[in-house]
PDB file of all heavy atoms in Angstrom:
ATOM      1  N   ILE A   1     -43.103 -40.486  43.934  1.00  0.00           N
ATOM      2  CA  ILE A   1     -43.321 -40.509  45.376  1.00  0.00           C
ATOM      3  C   ILE A   1     -44.669 -39.857  45.668  1.00  0.00           C
ATOM      4  O   ILE A   1     -44.993 -38.806  45.117  1.00  0.00           O
ATOM      5  CB  ILE A   1     -42.190 -39.737  46.095  1.00  0.00           C
ATOM      6  CG1 ILE A   1     -40.847 -40.429  45.824  1.00  0.00           C
ATOM      7  CG2 ILE A   1     -42.442 -39.641  47.588  1.00  0.00           C
ATOM      8  CD1 ILE A   1     -39.654 -39.615  46.240  1.00  0.00           C
ATOM      9  N   THR A   2     -45.447 -40.495  46.538  1.00  0.00           N
ATOM     10  CA  THR A   2     -46.810 -40.022  46.763  1.00  0.00           C
ATOM     11  C   THR A   2     -46.925 -39.015  47.896  1.00  0.00           C
ATOM     12  O   THR A   2     -47.932 -38.326  48.017  1.00  0.00           O
ATOM     13  CB  THR A   2     -47.731 -41.215  47.089  1.00  0.00           C
ATOM     14  OG1 THR A   2     -47.201 -41.920  48.230  1.00  0.00           O
ATOM     15  CG2 THR A   2     -47.815 -42.165  45.913  1.00  0.00           C
ATOM     16  N   GLU A   3     -45.892 -38.915  48.754  1.00  0.00           N
ATOM     17  CA  GLU A   3     -45.989 -37.997  49.883  1.00  0.00           C
ATOM     18  C   GLU A   3     -46.001 -36.542  49.400  1.00  0.00           C
ATOM     19  O   GLU A   3     -45.632 -36.238  48.268  1.00  0.00           O
ATOM     20  CB  GLU A   3     -44.836 -38.218  50.858  1.00  0.00           C
ATOM     21  CG  GLU A   3     -43.488 -37.815  50.315  1.00  0.00           C
ATOM     22  CD  GLU A   3     -42.414 -37.881  51.398  1.00  0.00           C
ATOM     23  OE1 GLU A   3     -42.387 -38.862  52.147  1.00  0.00           O
ATOM     24  OE2 GLU A   3     -41.609 -36.941  51.452  1.00  0.00           O
ATOM     25  N   SER A   4     -46.442 -35.656  50.269  1.00  0.00           N
ATOM     26  CA  SER A   4     -46.511 -34.244  49.901  1.00  0.00           C
ATOM     27  C   SER A   4     -45.127 -33.711  49.543  1.00  0.00           C
ATOM     28  O   SER A   4     -44.121 -34.145  50.092  1.00  0.00           O
ATOM     29  CB  SER A   4     -47.082 -33.428  51.068  1.00  0.00           C
ATOM     30  OG  SER A   4     -46.258 -33.564  52.210  1.00  0.00           O
ATOM     31  N   ARG A   5     -45.111 -32.783  48.624  1.00  0.00           N
ATOM     32  CA  ARG A   5     -43.853 -32.245  48.124  1.00  0.00           C
ATOM     33  C   ARG A   5     -43.197 -31.332  49.156  1.00  0.00           C
ATOM     34  O   ARG A   5     -43.830 -30.387  49.627  1.00  0.00           O
ATOM     35  CB  ARG A   5     -44.083 -31.477  46.826  1.00  0.00           C
ATOM     36  CG  ARG A   5     -44.724 -32.295  45.714  1.00  0.00           C
ATOM     37  CD  ARG A   5     -43.903 -33.519  45.385  1.00  0.00           C
ATOM     38  NE  ARG A   5     -44.455 -34.236  44.245  1.00  0.00           N
ATOM     39  CZ  ARG A   5     -44.062 -35.442  43.866  1.00  0.00           C
ATOM     40  NH1 ARG A   5     -43.129 -36.068  44.551  1.00  0.00           N
ATOM     41  NH2 ARG A   5     -44.588 -36.033  42.821  1.00  0.00           N
ATOM     42  N   LYS A   6     -41.967 -31.605  49.475  1.00  0.00           N
ATOM     43  CA  LYS A   6     -41.253 -30.775  50.444  1.00  0.00           C
ATOM     44  C   LYS A   6     -40.944 -29.405  49.845  1.00  0.00           C
ATOM     45  O   LYS A   6     -40.650 -29.279  48.665  1.00  0.00           O
ATOM     46  CB  LYS A   6     -39.953 -31.460  50.863  1.00  0.00           C
ATOM     47  CG  LYS A   6     -40.150 -32.538  51.903  1.00  0.00           C
ATOM     48  CD  LYS A   6     -38.815 -32.944  52.487  1.00  0.00           C
ATOM     49  CE  LYS A   6     -39.018 -33.905  53.650  1.00  0.00           C
ATOM     50  NZ  LYS A   6     -39.677 -35.130  53.227  1.00  0.00           N
ATOM     51  N   ARG A   7     -40.980 -28.397  50.692  1.00  0.00           N
ATOM     52  CA  ARG A   7     -40.667 -27.054  50.229  1.00  0.00           C
ATOM     53  C   ARG A   7     -39.161 -26.864  50.150  1.00  0.00           C
ATOM     54  O   ARG A   7     -38.385 -27.555  50.822  1.00  0.00           O
ATOM     55  CB  ARG A   7     -41.285 -26.010  51.155  1.00  0.00           C
ATOM     56  CG  ARG A   7     -40.669 -25.959  52.541  1.00  0.00           C
ATOM     57  CD  ARG A   7     -41.460 -25.023  53.444  1.00  0.00           C
ATOM     58  NE  ARG A   7     -40.873 -24.941  54.781  1.00  0.00           N
ATOM     59  CZ  ARG A   7     -40.040 -23.996  55.181  1.00  0.00           C
ATOM     60  NH1 ARG A   7     -39.686 -23.025  54.329  1.00  0.00           N
ATOM     61  NH2 ARG A   7     -39.556 -23.983  56.396  1.00  0.00           N
ATOM     62  N   LEU A   8     -38.759 -25.925  49.330  1.00  0.00           N
ATOM     63  CA  LEU A   8     -37.352 -25.572  49.203  1.00  0.00           C
ATOM     64  C   LEU A   8     -37.053 -24.386  50.107  1.00  0.00           C
ATOM     65  O   LEU A   8     -37.905 -23.498  50.283  1.00  0.00           O
ATOM     66  CB  LEU A   8     -37.025 -25.215  47.755  1.00  0.00           C
ATOM     67  CG  LEU A   8     -36.679 -26.359  46.796  1.00  0.00           C
ATOM     68  CD1 LEU A   8     -37.810 -27.376  46.681  1.00  0.00           C
ATOM     69  CD2 LEU A   8     -36.334 -25.811  45.421  1.00  0.00           C
ATOM     70  N   LEU A   9     -35.850 -24.362  50.665  1.00  0.00           N
ATOM     71  CA  LEU A   9     -35.480 -23.270  51.556  1.00  0.00           C
ATOM     72  C   LEU A   9     -34.102 -22.738  51.183  1.00  0.00           C
ATOM     73  O   LEU A   9     -33.115 -23.463  51.236  1.00  0.00           O
ATOM     74  CB  LEU A   9     -35.453 -23.754  53.007  1.00  0.00           C
ATOM     75  CG  LEU A   9     -35.150 -22.671  54.057  1.00  0.00           C
ATOM     76  CD1 LEU A   9     -36.306 -21.677  54.124  1.00  0.00           C
ATOM     77  CD2 LEU A   9     -34.918 -23.307  55.428  1.00  0.00           C
ATOM     78  N   PRO A  10     -34.023 -21.453  50.789  1.00  0.00           N
ATOM     79  CA  PRO A  10     -32.716 -20.870  50.467  1.00  0.00           C
ATOM     80  C   PRO A  10     -31.921 -20.549  51.730  1.00  0.00           C
ATOM     81  O   PRO A  10     -32.476 -20.075  52.724  1.00  0.00           O
ATOM     82  CB  PRO A  10     -33.085 -19.592  49.706  1.00  0.00           C
ATOM     83  CG  PRO A  10     -34.432 -19.220  50.240  1.00  0.00           C
ATOM     84  CD  PRO A  10     -35.130 -20.510  50.569  1.00  0.00           C
ATOM     85  N   ILE A  11     -30.614 -20.813  51.682  1.00  0.00           N
ATOM     86  CA  ILE A  11     -29.718 -20.540  52.802  1.00  0.00           C
ATOM     87  C   ILE A  11     -28.567 -19.688  52.276  1.00  0.00           C
ATOM     88  O   ILE A  11     -27.932 -20.064  51.277  1.00  0.00           O
ATOM     89  CB  ILE A  11     -29.171 -21.849  53.403  1.00  0.00           C
ATOM     90  CG1 ILE A  11     -30.316 -22.708  53.932  1.00  0.00           C
ATOM     91  CG2 ILE A  11     -28.156 -21.557  54.504  1.00  0.00           C
ATOM     92  CD1 ILE A  11     -29.879 -24.085  54.385  1.00  0.00           C
ATOM     93  N   PRO A  12     -28.284 -18.558  52.888  1.00  0.00           N
ATOM     94  CA  PRO A  12     -27.137 -17.755  52.425  1.00  0.00           C
ATOM     95  C   PRO A  12     -25.855 -18.584  52.437  1.00  0.00           C
ATOM     96  O   PRO A  12     -25.517 -19.207  53.450  1.00  0.00           O
ATOM     97  CB  PRO A  12     -27.085 -16.611  53.443  1.00  0.00           C
ATOM     98  CG  PRO A  12     -28.489 -16.479  53.932  1.00  0.00           C
ATOM     99  CD  PRO A  12     -29.032 -17.882  53.971  1.00  0.00           C
ATOM    100  N   GLY A  13     -25.154 -18.600  51.320  1.00  0.00           N
ATOM    101  CA  GLY A  13     -23.967 -19.437  51.196  1.00  0.00           C
ATOM    102  C   GLY A  13     -22.883 -19.096  52.202  1.00  0.00           C
ATOM    103  O   GLY A  13     -22.198 -19.978  52.718  1.00  0.00           O
ATOM    104  N   ARG A  14     -22.723 -17.812  52.504  1.00  0.00           N
ATOM    105  CA  ARG A  14     -21.701 -17.412  53.475  1.00  0.00           C
ATOM    106  C   ARG A  14     -22.024 -17.943  54.861  1.00  0.00           C
ATOM    107  O   ARG A  14     -21.118 -18.270  55.635  1.00  0.00           O
ATOM    108  CB  ARG A  14     -21.580 -15.887  53.504  1.00  0.00           C
ATOM    109  CG  ARG A  14     -20.873 -15.300  52.311  1.00  0.00           C
ATOM    110  CD  ARG A  14     -19.385 -15.629  52.345  1.00  0.00           C
ATOM    111  NE  ARG A  14     -18.691 -15.217  51.130  1.00  0.00           N
ATOM    112  CZ  ARG A  14     -17.406 -15.416  50.908  1.00  0.00           C
ATOM    113  NH1 ARG A  14     -16.677 -16.031  51.833  1.00  0.00           N
ATOM    114  NH2 ARG A  14     -16.849 -15.027  49.782  1.00  0.00           N
ATOM    115  N   LEU A  15     -23.309 -18.046  55.186  1.00  0.00           N
ATOM    116  CA  LEU A  15     -23.711 -18.620  56.464  1.00  0.00           C
ATOM    117  C   LEU A  15     -23.361 -20.105  56.498  1.00  0.00           C
ATOM    118  O   LEU A  15     -22.845 -20.611  57.499  1.00  0.00           O
ATOM    119  CB  LEU A  15     -25.211 -18.417  56.676  1.00  0.00           C
ATOM    120  CG  LEU A  15     -25.805 -19.012  57.961  1.00  0.00           C
ATOM    121  CD1 LEU A  15     -25.178 -18.373  59.194  1.00  0.00           C
ATOM    122  CD2 LEU A  15     -27.329 -18.826  57.971  1.00  0.00           C
ATOM    123  N   GLY A  16     -23.641 -20.809  55.402  1.00  0.00           N
ATOM    124  CA  GLY A  16     -23.291 -22.230  55.326  1.00  0.00           C
ATOM    125  C   GLY A  16     -21.796 -22.447  55.418  1.00  0.00           C
ATOM    126  O   GLY A  16     -21.329 -23.380  56.085  1.00  0.00           O
ATOM    127  N   TRP A  17     -21.039 -21.579  54.750  1.00  0.00           N
ATOM    128  CA  TRP A  17     -19.578 -21.664  54.791  1.00  0.00           C
ATOM    129  C   TRP A  17     -19.064 -21.484  56.208  1.00  0.00           C
ATOM    130  O   TRP A  17     -18.219 -22.253  56.690  1.00  0.00           O
ATOM    131  CB  TRP A  17     -19.006 -20.594  53.861  1.00  0.00           C
ATOM    132  CG  TRP A  17     -17.532 -20.353  54.000  1.00  0.00           C
ATOM    133  CD1 TRP A  17     -16.526 -21.135  53.527  1.00  0.00           C
ATOM    134  CD2 TRP A  17     -16.910 -19.239  54.648  1.00  0.00           C
ATOM    135  NE1 TRP A  17     -15.297 -20.582  53.829  1.00  0.00           N
ATOM    136  CE2 TRP A  17     -15.517 -19.417  54.523  1.00  0.00           C
ATOM    137  CE3 TRP A  17     -17.395 -18.113  55.310  1.00  0.00           C
ATOM    138  CZ2 TRP A  17     -14.603 -18.508  55.057  1.00  0.00           C
ATOM    139  CZ3 TRP A  17     -16.497 -17.202  55.830  1.00  0.00           C
ATOM    140  CH2 TRP A  17     -15.114 -17.404  55.699  1.00  0.00           C
ATOM    141  N   ALA A  18     -19.572 -20.471  56.918  1.00  0.00           N
ATOM    142  CA  ALA A  18     -19.128 -20.215  58.293  1.00  0.00           C
ATOM    143  C   ALA A  18     -19.505 -21.363  59.215  1.00  0.00           C
ATOM    144  O   ALA A  18     -18.717 -21.759  60.090  1.00  0.00           O
ATOM    145  CB  ALA A  18     -19.747 -18.902  58.795  1.00  0.00           C
ATOM    146  N   LYS A  19     -20.688 -21.908  59.022  1.00  0.00           N
ATOM    147  CA  LYS A  19     -21.134 -23.032  59.852  1.00  0.00           C
ATOM    148  C   LYS A  19     -20.249 -24.253  59.630  1.00  0.00           C
ATOM    149  O   LYS A  19     -19.854 -24.931  60.585  1.00  0.00           O
ATOM    150  CB  LYS A  19     -22.587 -23.364  59.523  1.00  0.00           C
ATOM    151  CG  LYS A  19     -23.211 -24.393  60.445  1.00  0.00           C
ATOM    152  CD  LYS A  19     -24.694 -24.545  60.166  1.00  0.00           C
ATOM    153  CE  LYS A  19     -25.334 -25.534  61.125  1.00  0.00           C
ATOM    154  NZ  LYS A  19     -26.802 -25.674  60.877  1.00  0.00           N
ATOM    155  N   ALA A  20     -19.900 -24.521  58.376  1.00  0.00           N
ATOM    156  CA  ALA A  20     -19.039 -25.668  58.069  1.00  0.00           C
ATOM    157  C   ALA A  20     -17.642 -25.472  58.630  1.00  0.00           C
ATOM    158  O   ALA A  20     -17.028 -26.420  59.150  1.00  0.00           O
ATOM    159  CB  ALA A  20     -18.979 -25.883  56.560  1.00  0.00           C
ATOM    160  N   LEU A  21     -17.118 -24.244  58.530  1.00  0.00           N
ATOM    161  CA  LEU A  21     -15.796 -23.961  59.093  1.00  0.00           C
ATOM    162  C   LEU A  21     -15.792 -24.159  60.606  1.00  0.00           C
ATOM    163  O   LEU A  21     -14.861 -24.739  61.179  1.00  0.00           O
ATOM    164  CB  LEU A  21     -15.383 -22.530  58.771  1.00  0.00           C
ATOM    165  CG  LEU A  21     -14.675 -22.270  57.441  1.00  0.00           C
ATOM    166  CD1 LEU A  21     -14.263 -20.797  57.387  1.00  0.00           C
ATOM    167  CD2 LEU A  21     -13.454 -23.156  57.270  1.00  0.00           C
ATOM    168  N   GLY A  22     -16.837 -23.663  61.263  1.00  0.00           N
ATOM    169  CA  GLY A  22     -16.930 -23.809  62.707  1.00  0.00           C
ATOM    170  C   GLY A  22     -17.026 -25.257  63.138  1.00  0.00           C
ATOM    171  O   GLY A  22     -16.351 -25.676  64.088  1.00  0.00           O
ATOM    172  N   ALA A  23     -17.840 -26.017  62.431  1.00  0.00           N
ATOM    173  CA  ALA A  23     -17.978 -27.440  62.758  1.00  0.00           C
ATOM    174  C   ALA A  23     -16.661 -28.175  62.544  1.00  0.00           C
ATOM    175  O   ALA A  23     -16.273 -29.045  63.342  1.00  0.00           O
ATOM    176  CB  ALA A  23     -19.085 -28.057  61.906  1.00  0.00           C
ATOM    177  N   GLN A  24     -15.962 -27.818  61.472  1.00  0.00           N
ATOM    178  CA  GLN A  24     -14.674 -28.439  61.179  1.00  0.00           C
ATOM    179  C   GLN A  24     -13.646 -28.118  62.264  1.00  0.00           C
ATOM    180  O   GLN A  24     -12.853 -28.973  62.666  1.00  0.00           O
ATOM    181  CB  GLN A  24     -14.191 -27.958  59.816  1.00  0.00           C
ATOM    182  CG  GLN A  24     -13.029 -28.725  59.221  1.00  0.00           C
ATOM    183  CD  GLN A  24     -12.694 -28.213  57.825  1.00  0.00           C
ATOM    184  OE1 GLN A  24     -12.119 -27.148  57.643  1.00  0.00           O
ATOM    185  NE2 GLN A  24     -13.087 -28.961  56.813  1.00  0.00           N
ATOM    186  N   ALA A  25     -13.681 -26.888  62.770  1.00  0.00           N
ATOM    187  CA  ALA A  25     -12.701 -26.448  63.765  1.00  0.00           C
ATOM    188  C   ALA A  25     -12.819 -27.210  65.072  1.00  0.00           C
ATOM    189  O   ALA A  25     -11.827 -27.410  65.782  1.00  0.00           O
ATOM    190  CB  ALA A  25     -12.862 -24.951  64.026  1.00  0.00           C
ATOM    191  N   VAL A  26     -14.039 -27.662  65.408  1.00  0.00           N
ATOM    192  CA  VAL A  26     -14.232 -28.394  66.664  1.00  0.00           C
ATOM    193  C   VAL A  26     -14.364 -29.897  66.438  1.00  0.00           C
ATOM    194  O   VAL A  26     -14.780 -30.632  67.325  1.00  0.00           O
ATOM    195  CB  VAL A  26     -15.466 -27.859  67.424  1.00  0.00           C
ATOM    196  CG1 VAL A  26     -15.248 -26.413  67.825  1.00  0.00           C
ATOM    197  CG2 VAL A  26     -16.744 -28.008  66.603  1.00  0.00           C
ATOM    198  N   GLY A  27     -13.995 -30.348  65.223  1.00  0.00           N
ATOM    199  CA  GLY A  27     -13.993 -31.785  64.949  1.00  0.00           C
ATOM    200  C   GLY A  27     -15.349 -32.381  64.665  1.00  0.00           C
ATOM    201  O   GLY A  27     -15.517 -33.607  64.743  1.00  0.00           O
ATOM    202  N   LEU A  28     -16.343 -31.546  64.315  1.00  0.00           N
ATOM    203  CA  LEU A  28     -17.694 -32.046  64.051  1.00  0.00           C
ATOM    204  C   LEU A  28     -18.113 -31.846  62.593  1.00  0.00           C
ATOM    205  O   LEU A  28     -19.296 -31.925  62.269  1.00  0.00           O
ATOM    206  CB  LEU A  28     -18.696 -31.338  64.969  1.00  0.00           C
ATOM    207  CG  LEU A  28     -18.476 -31.537  66.482  1.00  0.00           C
ATOM    208  CD1 LEU A  28     -19.479 -30.709  67.268  1.00  0.00           C
ATOM    209  CD2 LEU A  28     -18.583 -33.011  66.854  1.00  0.00           C
ATOM    210  N   GLY A  29     -17.144 -31.610  61.718  1.00  0.00           N
ATOM    211  CA  GLY A  29     -17.459 -31.334  60.319  1.00  0.00           C
ATOM    212  C   GLY A  29     -18.210 -32.456  59.631  1.00  0.00           C
ATOM    213  O   GLY A  29     -19.048 -32.220  58.756  1.00  0.00           O
ATOM    214  N   ASN A  30     -17.952 -33.703  60.035  1.00  0.00           N
ATOM    215  CA  ASN A  30     -18.603 -34.835  59.383  1.00  0.00           C
ATOM    216  C   ASN A  30     -20.095 -34.924  59.691  1.00  0.00           C
ATOM    217  O   ASN A  30     -20.819 -35.690  59.041  1.00  0.00           O
ATOM    218  CB  ASN A  30     -17.926 -36.139  59.803  1.00  0.00           C
ATOM    219  CG  ASN A  30     -16.525 -36.264  59.247  1.00  0.00           C
ATOM    220  OD1 ASN A  30     -16.086 -35.424  58.460  1.00  0.00           O
ATOM    221  ND2 ASN A  30     -15.805 -37.297  59.648  1.00  0.00           N
ATOM    222  N   LEU A  31     -20.560 -34.161  60.678  1.00  0.00           N
ATOM    223  CA  LEU A  31     -21.982 -34.190  61.018  1.00  0.00           C
ATOM    224  C   LEU A  31     -22.822 -33.375  60.042  1.00  0.00           C
ATOM    225  O   LEU A  31     -24.040 -33.552  59.974  1.00  0.00           O
ATOM    226  CB  LEU A  31     -22.194 -33.663  62.438  1.00  0.00           C
ATOM    227  CG  LEU A  31     -21.534 -34.477  63.568  1.00  0.00           C
ATOM    228  CD1 LEU A  31     -21.851 -33.854  64.915  1.00  0.00           C
ATOM    229  CD2 LEU A  31     -21.998 -35.938  63.522  1.00  0.00           C
ATOM    230  N   LEU A  32     -22.190 -32.488  59.302  1.00  0.00           N
ATOM    231  CA  LEU A  32     -22.910 -31.689  58.311  1.00  0.00           C
ATOM    232  C   LEU A  32     -22.901 -32.397  56.955  1.00  0.00           C
ATOM    233  O   LEU A  32     -21.944 -33.104  56.631  1.00  0.00           O
ATOM    234  CB  LEU A  32     -22.263 -30.311  58.162  1.00  0.00           C
ATOM    235  CG  LEU A  32     -22.364 -29.352  59.350  1.00  0.00           C
ATOM    236  CD1 LEU A  32     -21.589 -28.072  59.039  1.00  0.00           C
ATOM    237  CD2 LEU A  32     -23.816 -29.028  59.667  1.00  0.00           C
ATOM    238  N   PRO A  33     -23.935 -32.181  56.134  1.00  0.00           N
ATOM    239  CA  PRO A  33     -23.961 -32.807  54.800  1.00  0.00           C
ATOM    240  C   PRO A  33     -23.132 -32.044  53.766  1.00  0.00           C
ATOM    241  O   PRO A  33     -23.192 -32.341  52.587  1.00  0.00           O
ATOM    242  CB  PRO A  33     -25.447 -32.777  54.434  1.00  0.00           C
ATOM    243  CG  PRO A  33     -25.987 -31.602  55.158  1.00  0.00           C
ATOM    244  CD  PRO A  33     -25.211 -31.515  56.450  1.00  0.00           C
ATOM    245  N   PHE A  34     -22.364 -31.045  54.192  1.00  0.00           N
ATOM    246  CA  PHE A  34     -21.541 -30.261  53.272  1.00  0.00           C
ATOM    247  C   PHE A  34     -20.305 -29.764  54.002  1.00  0.00           C
ATOM    248  O   PHE A  34     -20.270 -29.673  55.235  1.00  0.00           O
ATOM    249  CB  PHE A  34     -22.322 -29.081  52.694  1.00  0.00           C
ATOM    250  CG  PHE A  34     -22.887 -28.154  53.738  1.00  0.00           C
ATOM    251  CD1 PHE A  34     -22.135 -27.091  54.244  1.00  0.00           C
ATOM    252  CD2 PHE A  34     -24.171 -28.333  54.232  1.00  0.00           C
ATOM    253  CE1 PHE A  34     -22.644 -26.233  55.209  1.00  0.00           C
ATOM    254  CE2 PHE A  34     -24.700 -27.482  55.208  1.00  0.00           C
ATOM    255  CZ  PHE A  34     -23.927 -26.434  55.693  1.00  0.00           C
ATOM    256  N   GLY A  35     -19.263 -29.452  53.232  1.00  0.00           N
ATOM    257  CA  GLY A  35     -18.049 -28.867  53.775  1.00  0.00           C
ATOM    258  C   GLY A  35     -17.980 -27.393  53.450  1.00  0.00           C
ATOM    259  O   GLY A  35     -18.888 -26.835  52.813  1.00  0.00           O
ATOM    260  N   PRO A  36     -16.897 -26.708  53.827  1.00  0.00           N
ATOM    261  CA  PRO A  36     -16.793 -25.265  53.580  1.00  0.00           C
ATOM    262  C   PRO A  36     -16.795 -24.882  52.106  1.00  0.00           C
ATOM    263  O   PRO A  36     -17.258 -23.791  51.751  1.00  0.00           O
ATOM    264  CB  PRO A  36     -15.455 -24.898  54.238  1.00  0.00           C
ATOM    265  CG  PRO A  36     -15.215 -25.952  55.261  1.00  0.00           C
ATOM    266  CD  PRO A  36     -15.785 -27.203  54.674  1.00  0.00           C
ATOM    267  N   SER A  37     -16.277 -25.736  51.230  1.00  0.00           N
ATOM    268  CA  SER A  37     -16.191 -25.372  49.813  1.00  0.00           C
ATOM    269  C   SER A  37     -17.540 -25.399  49.110  1.00  0.00           C
ATOM    270  O   SER A  37     -17.795 -24.618  48.184  1.00  0.00           O
ATOM    271  CB  SER A  37     -15.223 -26.317  49.077  1.00  0.00           C
ATOM    272  OG  SER A  37     -13.885 -25.910  49.254  1.00  0.00           O
ATOM    273  N   GLU A  38     -18.430 -26.297  49.518  1.00  0.00           N
ATOM    274  CA  GLU A  38     -19.671 -26.482  48.771  1.00  0.00           C
ATOM    275  C   GLU A  38     -20.599 -25.268  48.776  1.00  0.00           C
ATOM    276  O   GLU A  38     -21.148 -24.903  47.720  1.00  0.00           O
ATOM    277  CB  GLU A  38     -20.382 -27.744  49.276  1.00  0.00           C
ATOM    278  CG  GLU A  38     -19.665 -28.998  48.822  1.00  0.00           C
ATOM    279  CD  GLU A  38     -19.978 -30.219  49.667  1.00  0.00           C
ATOM    280  OE1 GLU A  38     -19.611 -30.226  50.865  1.00  0.00           O
ATOM    281  OE2 GLU A  38     -20.575 -31.159  49.124  1.00  0.00           O
ATOM    282  N   PRO A  39     -20.795 -24.579  49.908  1.00  0.00           N
ATOM    283  CA  PRO A  39     -21.611 -23.362  49.835  1.00  0.00           C
ATOM    284  C   PRO A  39     -21.011 -22.296  48.930  1.00  0.00           C
ATOM    285  O   PRO A  39     -21.735 -21.593  48.212  1.00  0.00           O
ATOM    286  CB  PRO A  39     -21.653 -22.884  51.294  1.00  0.00           C
ATOM    287  CG  PRO A  39     -21.392 -24.103  52.109  1.00  0.00           C
ATOM    288  CD  PRO A  39     -20.436 -24.919  51.293  1.00  0.00           C
ATOM    289  N   LEU A  40     -19.681 -22.173  48.939  1.00  0.00           N
ATOM    290  CA  LEU A  40     -19.021 -21.174  48.096  1.00  0.00           C
ATOM    291  C   LEU A  40     -19.213 -21.513  46.622  1.00  0.00           C
ATOM    292  O   LEU A  40     -19.478 -20.623  45.794  1.00  0.00           O
ATOM    293  CB  LEU A  40     -17.533 -21.102  48.431  1.00  0.00           C
ATOM    294  CG  LEU A  40     -17.178 -20.697  49.866  1.00  0.00           C
ATOM    295  CD1 LEU A  40     -15.664 -20.736  50.069  1.00  0.00           C
ATOM    296  CD2 LEU A  40     -17.727 -19.312  50.198  1.00  0.00           C
ATOM    297  N   MET A  41     -19.091 -22.790  46.273  1.00  0.00           N
ATOM    298  CA  MET A  41     -19.281 -23.189  44.873  1.00  0.00           C
ATOM    299  C   MET A  41     -20.723 -23.018  44.437  1.00  0.00           C
ATOM    300  O   MET A  41     -20.997 -22.613  43.299  1.00  0.00           O
ATOM    301  CB  MET A  41     -18.842 -24.643  44.692  1.00  0.00           C
ATOM    302  CG  MET A  41     -17.356 -24.853  44.836  1.00  0.00           C
ATOM    303  SD  MET A  41     -16.833 -26.526  44.353  1.00  0.00           S
ATOM    304  CE  MET A  41     -17.513 -27.488  45.698  1.00  0.00           C
ATOM    305  N   ALA A  42     -21.656 -23.320  45.345  1.00  0.00           N
ATOM    306  CA  ALA A  42     -23.069 -23.245  44.996  1.00  0.00           C
ATOM    307  C   ALA A  42     -23.537 -21.822  44.754  1.00  0.00           C
ATOM    308  O   ALA A  42     -24.554 -21.595  44.092  1.00  0.00           O
ATOM    309  CB  ALA A  42     -23.907 -23.888  46.097  1.00  0.00           C
ATOM    310  N   MET A  43     -22.799 -20.830  45.268  1.00  0.00           N
ATOM    311  CA  MET A  43     -23.167 -19.429  45.034  1.00  0.00           C
ATOM    312  C   MET A  43     -22.734 -18.945  43.654  1.00  0.00           C
ATOM    313  O   MET A  43     -23.217 -17.913  43.183  1.00  0.00           O
ATOM    314  CB  MET A  43     -22.531 -18.535  46.104  1.00  0.00           C
ATOM    315  CG  MET A  43     -23.127 -18.687  47.479  1.00  0.00           C
ATOM    316  SD  MET A  43     -22.577 -17.356  48.601  1.00  0.00           S
ATOM    317  CE  MET A  43     -20.840 -17.719  48.762  1.00  0.00           C
ATOM    318  N   GLU A  44     -21.820 -19.668  43.012  1.00  0.00           N
ATOM    319  CA  GLU A  44     -21.284 -19.247  41.716  1.00  0.00           C
ATOM    320  C   GLU A  44     -22.091 -19.813  40.558  1.00  0.00           C
ATOM    321  O   GLU A  44     -22.530 -20.967  40.603  1.00  0.00           O
ATOM    322  CB  GLU A  44     -19.839 -19.734  41.552  1.00  0.00           C
ATOM    323  CG  GLU A  44     -18.841 -19.098  42.470  1.00  0.00           C
ATOM    324  CD  GLU A  44     -17.425 -19.559  42.149  1.00  0.00           C
ATOM    325  OE1 GLU A  44     -17.256 -20.373  41.221  1.00  0.00           O
ATOM    326  OE2 GLU A  44     -16.493 -19.084  42.822  1.00  0.00           O
TER     327      GLU A  44
END
């Protein structure tokens, strides 16, 4: 790919977990690219 290389950004896994749980609770979980389990697994 010739476009400029995108930077990487670390996100605290617990923050991602809480965000996914909140989205799931209000029926918007499918709008995120991850569920509550994935941030927890990615920290291990």
